Amino acid sequence: MLVRPDEKVPMARLLTFLEHGERMAHDCAKAQAALAEDSGTRHFLLSQAKQEAMHARVFQGAIVWLAPKHLCDVPFLPALEAYRRIIDDALARRDLMETFLAEQVVLEGLGEAILTRIEQGLVKRAAPFGPLRRILLKQEEAHHGFGRRQIGGAIKLGKTDEEDLRQRTQQYLGLTDAMVLALGDLLDSIDEDATAWAHDVRTFLPVWCSA
């Protein structure tokens, strides 16, 4: 059995949070592609946008299966909306590098951390659809790696300020912490530690984010 009966609604609500994050990532990647100057970057971002949309559909399907009566039961997360506003502001300023930091590095790092945690639990339960789950996780890893390479290259070329990026990262991490901690009761109900989940994202960040 994938989850116990008492875990179905909490899991559906957690997946709803992830679905909203994937939709935000889709919108951001599509907007980034419109700002990208070289075809390789543009192609990757358009591919990412398609993958994020697919991830959202997968999560939505899982939500329907787990708890169809709770489709509108979305956790209220002001921090997620604040994060969206920051990204939208950076896009409006055409600051592609900041969007890479906010979306591909920090937000995708959070997504990768959460999916890794979920995958560990599903493996223990011998859950089905292992290949599909691994594809989603590999794609998240690819999106995260792309952002790290983009910013790492810009740092080496002196096109962006490392200290400024470090300070901005702390702002973003404050919001991701708030997102996860706001899900504390939900995570408690499935025997998970919200503080540990919030901390996990830091293990996926490059050294320059915290040095």
C-alpha atoms as a PDB file:
ATOM      1  CA  MET A   1       0.000   0.000   0.000  1.00  0.00           C
ATOM      2  CA  LEU A   2       1.419   3.372  -0.989  1.00  0.00           C
ATOM      3  CA  VAL A   3       0.216   5.341   2.049  1.00  0.00           C
ATOM      4  CA  ARG A   4      -1.919   4.624   5.097  1.00  0.00           C
ATOM      5  CA  PRO A   5      -5.534   5.878   4.940  1.00  0.00           C
ATOM      6  CA  ASP A   6      -4.776   8.601   7.491  1.00  0.00           C
ATOM      7  CA  GLU A   7      -1.844   9.811   5.377  1.00  0.00           C
ATOM      8  CA  LYS A   8      -3.768  10.326   2.144  1.00  0.00           C
ATOM      9  CA  VAL A   9      -5.111  13.839   2.755  1.00  0.00           C
ATOM     10  CA  PRO A  10      -1.823  15.186   4.195  1.00  0.00           C
ATOM     11  CA  MET A  11       0.085  13.703   1.262  1.00  0.00           C
ATOM     12  CA  ALA A  12      -2.401  15.214  -1.189  1.00  0.00           C
ATOM     13  CA  ARG A  13      -1.966  18.639   0.441  1.00  0.00           C
ATOM     14  CA  LEU A  14       1.822  18.302   0.276  1.00  0.00           C
ATOM     15  CA  LEU A  15       1.600  17.399  -3.409  1.00  0.00           C
ATOM     16  CA  THR A  16      -0.687  20.400  -3.944  1.00  0.00           C
ATOM     17  CA  PHE A  17       2.087  22.626  -2.610  1.00  0.00           C
ATOM     18  CA  LEU A  18       4.537  20.950  -4.999  1.00  0.00           C
ATOM     19  CA  GLU A  19       2.088  21.308  -7.890  1.00  0.00           C
ATOM     20  CA  HIS A  20       1.851  25.067  -7.288  1.00  0.00           C
ATOM     21  CA  GLY A  21       5.643  25.259  -7.147  1.00  0.00           C
ATOM     22  CA  GLU A  22       5.923  23.413 -10.456  1.00  0.00           C
ATOM     23  CA  ARG A  23       3.444  25.768 -12.102  1.00  0.00           C
ATOM     24  CA  MET A  24       5.440  28.748 -10.845  1.00  0.00           C
ATOM     25  CA  ALA A  25       8.635  27.155 -12.181  1.00  0.00           C
ATOM     26  CA  HIS A  26       6.924  26.605 -15.561  1.00  0.00           C
ATOM     27  CA  ASP A  27       5.877  30.247 -15.818  1.00  0.00           C
ATOM     28  CA  CYS A  28       9.354  31.423 -14.812  1.00  0.00           C
ATOM     29  CA  ALA A  29      11.239  29.160 -17.239  1.00  0.00           C
ATOM     30  CA  LYS A  30       8.985  30.254 -20.100  1.00  0.00           C
ATOM     31  CA  ALA A  31       9.595  33.923 -19.280  1.00  0.00           C
ATOM     32  CA  GLN A  32      13.332  33.307 -18.908  1.00  0.00           C
ATOM     33  CA  ALA A  33      13.436  31.739 -22.364  1.00  0.00           C
ATOM     34  CA  ALA A  34      12.009  34.949 -23.812  1.00  0.00           C
ATOM     35  CA  LEU A  35      14.884  36.901 -22.200  1.00  0.00           C
ATOM     36  CA  ALA A  36      17.681  34.485 -23.114  1.00  0.00           C
ATOM     37  CA  GLU A  37      20.054  35.740 -25.786  1.00  0.00           C
ATOM     38  CA  ASP A  38      21.600  32.475 -26.977  1.00  0.00           C
ATOM     39  CA  SER A  39      19.731  29.599 -28.571  1.00  0.00           C
ATOM     40  CA  GLY A  40      21.202  26.890 -26.303  1.00  0.00           C
ATOM     41  CA  THR A  41      19.975  28.571 -23.135  1.00  0.00           C
ATOM     42  CA  ARG A  42      16.624  29.341 -24.719  1.00  0.00           C
ATOM     43  CA  HIS A  43      16.197  25.714 -25.834  1.00  0.00           C
ATOM     44  CA  PHE A  44      16.979  24.386 -22.344  1.00  0.00           C
ATOM     45  CA  LEU A  45      14.535  26.774 -20.686  1.00  0.00           C
ATOM     46  CA  LEU A  46      11.724  25.941 -23.092  1.00  0.00           C
ATOM     47  CA  SER A  47      12.384  22.257 -22.445  1.00  0.00           C
ATOM     48  CA  GLN A  48      12.324  22.934 -18.700  1.00  0.00           C
ATOM     49  CA  ALA A  49       9.002  24.762 -19.011  1.00  0.00           C
ATOM     50  CA  LYS A  50       7.485  21.704 -20.720  1.00  0.00           C
ATOM     51  CA  GLN A  51       8.877  19.385 -18.064  1.00  0.00           C
ATOM     52  CA  GLU A  52       7.573  21.551 -15.217  1.00  0.00           C
ATOM     53  CA  ALA A  53       4.106  21.486 -16.772  1.00  0.00           C
ATOM     54  CA  MET A  54       4.331  17.690 -16.994  1.00  0.00           C
ATOM     55  CA  HIS A  55       5.412  17.476 -13.348  1.00  0.00           C
ATOM     56  CA  ALA A  56       2.399  19.567 -12.324  1.00  0.00           C
ATOM     57  CA  ARG A  57       0.081  17.199 -14.218  1.00  0.00           C
ATOM     58  CA  VAL A  58       1.675  14.160 -12.565  1.00  0.00           C
ATOM     59  CA  PHE A  59       1.200  15.687  -9.119  1.00  0.00           C
ATOM     60  CA  GLN A  60      -2.369  16.635  -9.971  1.00  0.00           C
ATOM     61  CA  GLY A  61      -3.096  13.046 -10.994  1.00  0.00           C
ATOM     62  CA  ALA A  62      -1.645  11.766  -7.731  1.00  0.00           C
ATOM     63  CA  ILE A  63      -3.761  14.279  -5.785  1.00  0.00           C
ATOM     64  CA  VAL A  64      -6.935  13.093  -7.528  1.00  0.00           C
ATOM     65  CA  TRP A  65      -6.079   9.485  -6.656  1.00  0.00           C
ATOM     66  CA  LEU A  66      -5.204  10.240  -3.027  1.00  0.00           C
ATOM     67  CA  ALA A  67      -7.942  12.649  -1.992  1.00  0.00           C
ATOM     68  CA  PRO A  68     -10.351  13.780  -4.734  1.00  0.00           C
ATOM     69  CA  LYS A  69     -12.596  15.544  -2.218  1.00  0.00           C
ATOM     70  CA  HIS A  70      -9.740  17.826  -1.182  1.00  0.00           C
ATOM     71  CA  LEU A  71      -8.728  19.186  -4.586  1.00  0.00           C
ATOM     72  CA  CYS A  72      -9.334  22.759  -3.465  1.00  0.00           C
ATOM     73  CA  ASP A  73      -7.760  22.273  -0.031  1.00  0.00           C
ATOM     74  CA  VAL A  74      -4.604  24.244  -0.773  1.00  0.00           C
ATOM     75  CA  PRO A  75      -2.287  25.204   2.104  1.00  0.00           C
ATOM     76  CA  PHE A  76      -2.207  28.993   2.448  1.00  0.00           C
ATOM     77  CA  LEU A  77       1.450  29.938   2.022  1.00  0.00           C
ATOM     78  CA  PRO A  78       2.064  33.694   1.884  1.00  0.00           C
ATOM     79  CA  ALA A  79       5.790  32.985   1.493  1.00  0.00           C
ATOM     80  CA  LEU A  80       5.158  31.188  -1.807  1.00  0.00           C
ATOM     81  CA  GLU A  81       3.297  34.210  -3.167  1.00  0.00           C
ATOM     82  CA  ALA A  82       6.040  36.536  -1.883  1.00  0.00           C
ATOM     83  CA  TYR A  83       8.563  34.373  -3.730  1.00  0.00           C
ATOM     84  CA  ARG A  84       6.514  34.627  -6.908  1.00  0.00           C
ATOM     85  CA  ARG A  85       6.488  38.428  -6.611  1.00  0.00           C
ATOM     86  CA  ILE A  86      10.282  38.529  -6.271  1.00  0.00           C
ATOM     87  CA  ILE A  87      10.712  36.432  -9.406  1.00  0.00           C
ATOM     88  CA  ASP A  88       8.178  38.506 -11.331  1.00  0.00           C
ATOM     89  CA  ASP A  89      10.002  41.683 -10.302  1.00  0.00           C
ATOM     90  CA  ALA A  90      13.358  40.286 -11.484  1.00  0.00           C
ATOM     91  CA  LEU A  91      11.776  39.241 -14.793  1.00  0.00           C
ATOM     92  CA  ALA A  92      10.291  42.714 -15.224  1.00  0.00           C
ATOM     93  CA  ARG A  93      13.787  44.158 -14.717  1.00  0.00           C
ATOM     94  CA  ARG A  94      15.153  41.609 -17.202  1.00  0.00           C
ATOM     95  CA  ASP A  95      17.602  40.439 -14.533  1.00  0.00           C
ATOM     96  CA  LEU A  96      18.061  36.923 -15.854  1.00  0.00           C
ATOM     97  CA  MET A  97      20.865  36.079 -13.424  1.00  0.00           C
ATOM     98  CA  GLU A  98      18.708  36.834 -10.385  1.00  0.00           C
ATOM     99  CA  THR A  99      15.922  34.687 -11.785  1.00  0.00           C
ATOM    100  CA  PHE A 100      18.402  31.818 -12.196  1.00  0.00           C
ATOM    101  CA  LEU A 101      19.345  32.220  -8.539  1.00  0.00           C
ATOM    102  CA  ALA A 102      15.757  32.440  -7.304  1.00  0.00           C
ATOM    103  CA  GLU A 103      14.254  29.736  -9.547  1.00  0.00           C
ATOM    104  CA  GLN A 104      16.816  27.205 -10.748  1.00  0.00           C
ATOM    105  CA  VAL A 105      19.225  27.361  -7.790  1.00  0.00           C
ATOM    106  CA  VAL A 106      17.125  27.950  -4.652  1.00  0.00           C
ATOM    107  CA  LEU A 107      13.571  26.939  -5.615  1.00  0.00           C
ATOM    108  CA  GLU A 108      14.671  23.921  -7.665  1.00  0.00           C
ATOM    109  CA  GLY A 109      17.013  23.052  -4.796  1.00  0.00           C
ATOM    110  CA  LEU A 110      13.986  23.024  -2.498  1.00  0.00           C
ATOM    111  CA  GLY A 111      12.042  20.900  -4.965  1.00  0.00           C
ATOM    112  CA  GLU A 112      14.928  18.467  -5.326  1.00  0.00           C
ATOM    113  CA  ALA A 113      15.299  18.224  -1.545  1.00  0.00           C
ATOM    114  CA  ILE A 114      11.584  17.558  -1.020  1.00  0.00           C
ATOM    115  CA  LEU A 115      11.337  15.032  -3.854  1.00  0.00           C
ATOM    116  CA  THR A 116      14.399  13.231  -2.488  1.00  0.00           C
ATOM    117  CA  ARG A 117      12.710  12.994   0.923  1.00  0.00           C
ATOM    118  CA  ILE A 118       9.461  11.761  -0.637  1.00  0.00           C
ATOM    119  CA  GLU A 119      11.308   9.242  -2.796  1.00  0.00           C
ATOM    120  CA  GLN A 120      13.012   7.764   0.265  1.00  0.00           C
ATOM    121  CA  GLY A 121       9.595   7.211   1.851  1.00  0.00           C
ATOM    122  CA  LEU A 122       8.109   5.711  -1.292  1.00  0.00           C
ATOM    123  CA  VAL A 123      10.998   3.300  -1.722  1.00  0.00           C
ATOM    124  CA  LYS A 124      10.425   2.048   1.824  1.00  0.00           C
ATOM    125  CA  ARG A 125       6.773   1.431   0.916  1.00  0.00           C
ATOM    126  CA  ALA A 126       7.737  -0.362  -2.318  1.00  0.00           C
ATOM    127  CA  ALA A 127       5.550   2.162  -4.153  1.00  0.00           C
ATOM    128  CA  PRO A 128       4.773   1.740  -7.856  1.00  0.00           C
ATOM    129  CA  PHE A 129       5.861   3.978 -10.757  1.00  0.00           C
ATOM    130  CA  GLY A 130       9.502   3.969  -9.686  1.00  0.00           C
ATOM    131  CA  PRO A 131      10.841   4.781 -13.188  1.00  0.00           C
ATOM    132  CA  LEU A 132       8.493   7.777 -13.536  1.00  0.00           C
ATOM    133  CA  ARG A 133       9.460   9.062 -10.093  1.00  0.00           C
ATOM    134  CA  ARG A 134      13.140   8.775 -10.971  1.00  0.00           C
ATOM    135  CA  ILE A 135      12.589  10.689 -14.229  1.00  0.00           C
ATOM    136  CA  LEU A 136      10.975  13.580 -12.335  1.00  0.00           C
ATOM    137  CA  LEU A 137      13.827  13.689  -9.836  1.00  0.00           C
ATOM    138  CA  LYS A 138      16.480  13.553 -12.574  1.00  0.00           C
ATOM    139  CA  GLN A 139      14.795  16.434 -14.386  1.00  0.00           C
ATOM    140  CA  GLU A 140      14.722  18.504 -11.191  1.00  0.00           C
ATOM    141  CA  GLU A 141      18.424  17.772 -10.746  1.00  0.00           C
ATOM    142  CA  ALA A 142      19.077  18.906 -14.335  1.00  0.00           C
ATOM    143  CA  HIS A 143      17.194  22.192 -13.847  1.00  0.00           C
ATOM    144  CA  HIS A 144      19.074  22.853 -10.610  1.00  0.00           C
ATOM    145  CA  GLY A 145      22.417  22.001 -12.196  1.00  0.00           C
ATOM    146  CA  PHE A 146      21.723  24.314 -15.119  1.00  0.00           C
ATOM    147  CA  GLY A 147      21.145  27.259 -12.795  1.00  0.00           C
ATOM    148  CA  ARG A 148      24.296  26.527 -10.825  1.00  0.00           C
ATOM    149  CA  ARG A 149      26.362  26.408 -14.029  1.00  0.00           C
ATOM    150  CA  GLN A 150      24.855  29.632 -15.354  1.00  0.00           C
ATOM    151  CA  ILE A 151      25.675  31.563 -12.201  1.00  0.00           C
ATOM    152  CA  GLY A 152      29.023  29.848 -11.650  1.00  0.00           C
ATOM    153  CA  GLY A 153      30.083  30.846 -15.160  1.00  0.00           C
ATOM    154  CA  ALA A 154      28.944  34.427 -14.632  1.00  0.00           C
ATOM    155  CA  ILE A 155      30.945  34.623 -11.398  1.00  0.00           C
ATOM    156  CA  LYS A 156      34.097  33.387 -13.132  1.00  0.00           C
ATOM    157  CA  LEU A 157      33.670  35.976 -15.896  1.00  0.00           C
ATOM    158  CA  GLY A 158      33.040  38.765 -13.380  1.00  0.00           C
ATOM    159  CA  LYS A 159      29.553  39.365 -14.769  1.00  0.00           C
ATOM    160  CA  THR A 160      27.860  39.143 -11.380  1.00  0.00           C
ATOM    161  CA  ASP A 161      28.800  39.987  -7.817  1.00  0.00           C
ATOM    162  CA  GLU A 162      29.228  36.961  -5.562  1.00  0.00           C
ATOM    163  CA  GLU A 163      28.596  38.833  -2.310  1.00  0.00           C
ATOM    164  CA  ASP A 164      25.385  40.332  -3.673  1.00  0.00           C
ATOM    165  CA  LEU A 165      24.216  36.868  -4.757  1.00  0.00           C
ATOM    166  CA  ARG A 166      25.029  35.495  -1.317  1.00  0.00           C
ATOM    167  CA  GLN A 167      22.907  38.172   0.370  1.00  0.00           C
ATOM    168  CA  ARG A 168      20.014  37.588  -2.006  1.00  0.00           C
ATOM    169  CA  THR A 169      20.239  33.859  -1.355  1.00  0.00           C
ATOM    170  CA  GLN A 170      19.600  34.436   2.345  1.00  0.00           C
ATOM    171  CA  GLN A 171      16.416  36.341   1.478  1.00  0.00           C
ATOM    172  CA  TYR A 172      15.203  33.463  -0.689  1.00  0.00           C
ATOM    173  CA  LEU A 173      16.121  30.876   1.935  1.00  0.00           C
ATOM    174  CA  GLY A 174      14.119  32.816   4.513  1.00  0.00           C
ATOM    175  CA  LEU A 175      11.073  32.413   2.288  1.00  0.00           C
ATOM    176  CA  THR A 176      11.653  28.722   1.535  1.00  0.00           C
ATOM    177  CA  ASP A 177      12.043  28.107   5.275  1.00  0.00           C
ATOM    178  CA  ALA A 178       8.730  29.883   5.856  1.00  0.00           C
ATOM    179  CA  MET A 179       7.037  27.771   3.170  1.00  0.00           C
ATOM    180  CA  VAL A 180       8.149  24.481   4.685  1.00  0.00           C
ATOM    181  CA  LEU A 181       7.619  25.463   8.320  1.00  0.00           C
ATOM    182  CA  ALA A 182       4.078  26.595   7.465  1.00  0.00           C
ATOM    183  CA  LEU A 183       3.475  22.961   6.504  1.00  0.00           C
ATOM    184  CA  GLY A 184       4.666  21.818   9.939  1.00  0.00           C
ATOM    185  CA  ASP A 185       1.366  20.339  11.138  1.00  0.00           C
ATOM    186  CA  LEU A 186       0.900  18.579   7.819  1.00  0.00           C
ATOM    187  CA  LEU A 187       4.403  17.075   7.970  1.00  0.00           C
ATOM    188  CA  ASP A 188       3.926  16.077  11.610  1.00  0.00           C
ATOM    189  CA  SER A 189       0.865  14.087  10.585  1.00  0.00           C
ATOM    190  CA  ILE A 190       3.012  11.906   8.300  1.00  0.00           C
ATOM    191  CA  ASP A 191       5.824  11.634  10.864  1.00  0.00           C
ATOM    192  CA  GLU A 192       8.159  14.091   9.153  1.00  0.00           C
ATOM    193  CA  ASP A 193      10.208  16.916  10.682  1.00  0.00           C
ATOM    194  CA  ALA A 194       9.548  20.285   9.026  1.00  0.00           C
ATOM    195  CA  THR A 195      12.796  21.760  10.364  1.00  0.00           C
ATOM    196  CA  ALA A 196      14.811  18.970   8.759  1.00  0.00           C
ATOM    197  CA  TRP A 197      12.963  19.462   5.469  1.00  0.00           C
ATOM    198  CA  ALA A 198      13.657  23.206   5.552  1.00  0.00           C
ATOM    199  CA  HIS A 199      17.328  22.576   6.223  1.00  0.00           C
ATOM    200  CA  ASP A 200      17.650  20.049   3.387  1.00  0.00           C
ATOM    201  CA  VAL A 201      17.599  22.723   0.682  1.00  0.00           C
ATOM    202  CA  ARG A 202      20.936  24.055   1.958  1.00  0.00           C
ATOM    203  CA  THR A 203      22.616  20.762   1.124  1.00  0.00           C
ATOM    204  CA  PHE A 204      21.794  21.379  -2.544  1.00  0.00           C
ATOM    205  CA  LEU A 205      23.261  24.886  -2.718  1.00  0.00           C
ATOM    206  CA  PRO A 206      26.679  25.775  -4.169  1.00  0.00           C
ATOM    207  CA  VAL A 207      29.469  26.823  -1.808  1.00  0.00           C
ATOM    208  CA  TRP A 208      29.324  30.487  -2.810  1.00  0.00           C
ATOM    209  CA  CYS A 209      25.780  30.752  -1.428  1.00  0.00           C
ATOM    210  CA  SER A 210      26.973  30.467   2.162  1.00  0.00           C
ATOM    211  CA  ALA A 211      30.727  31.010   2.142  1.00  0.00           C
END
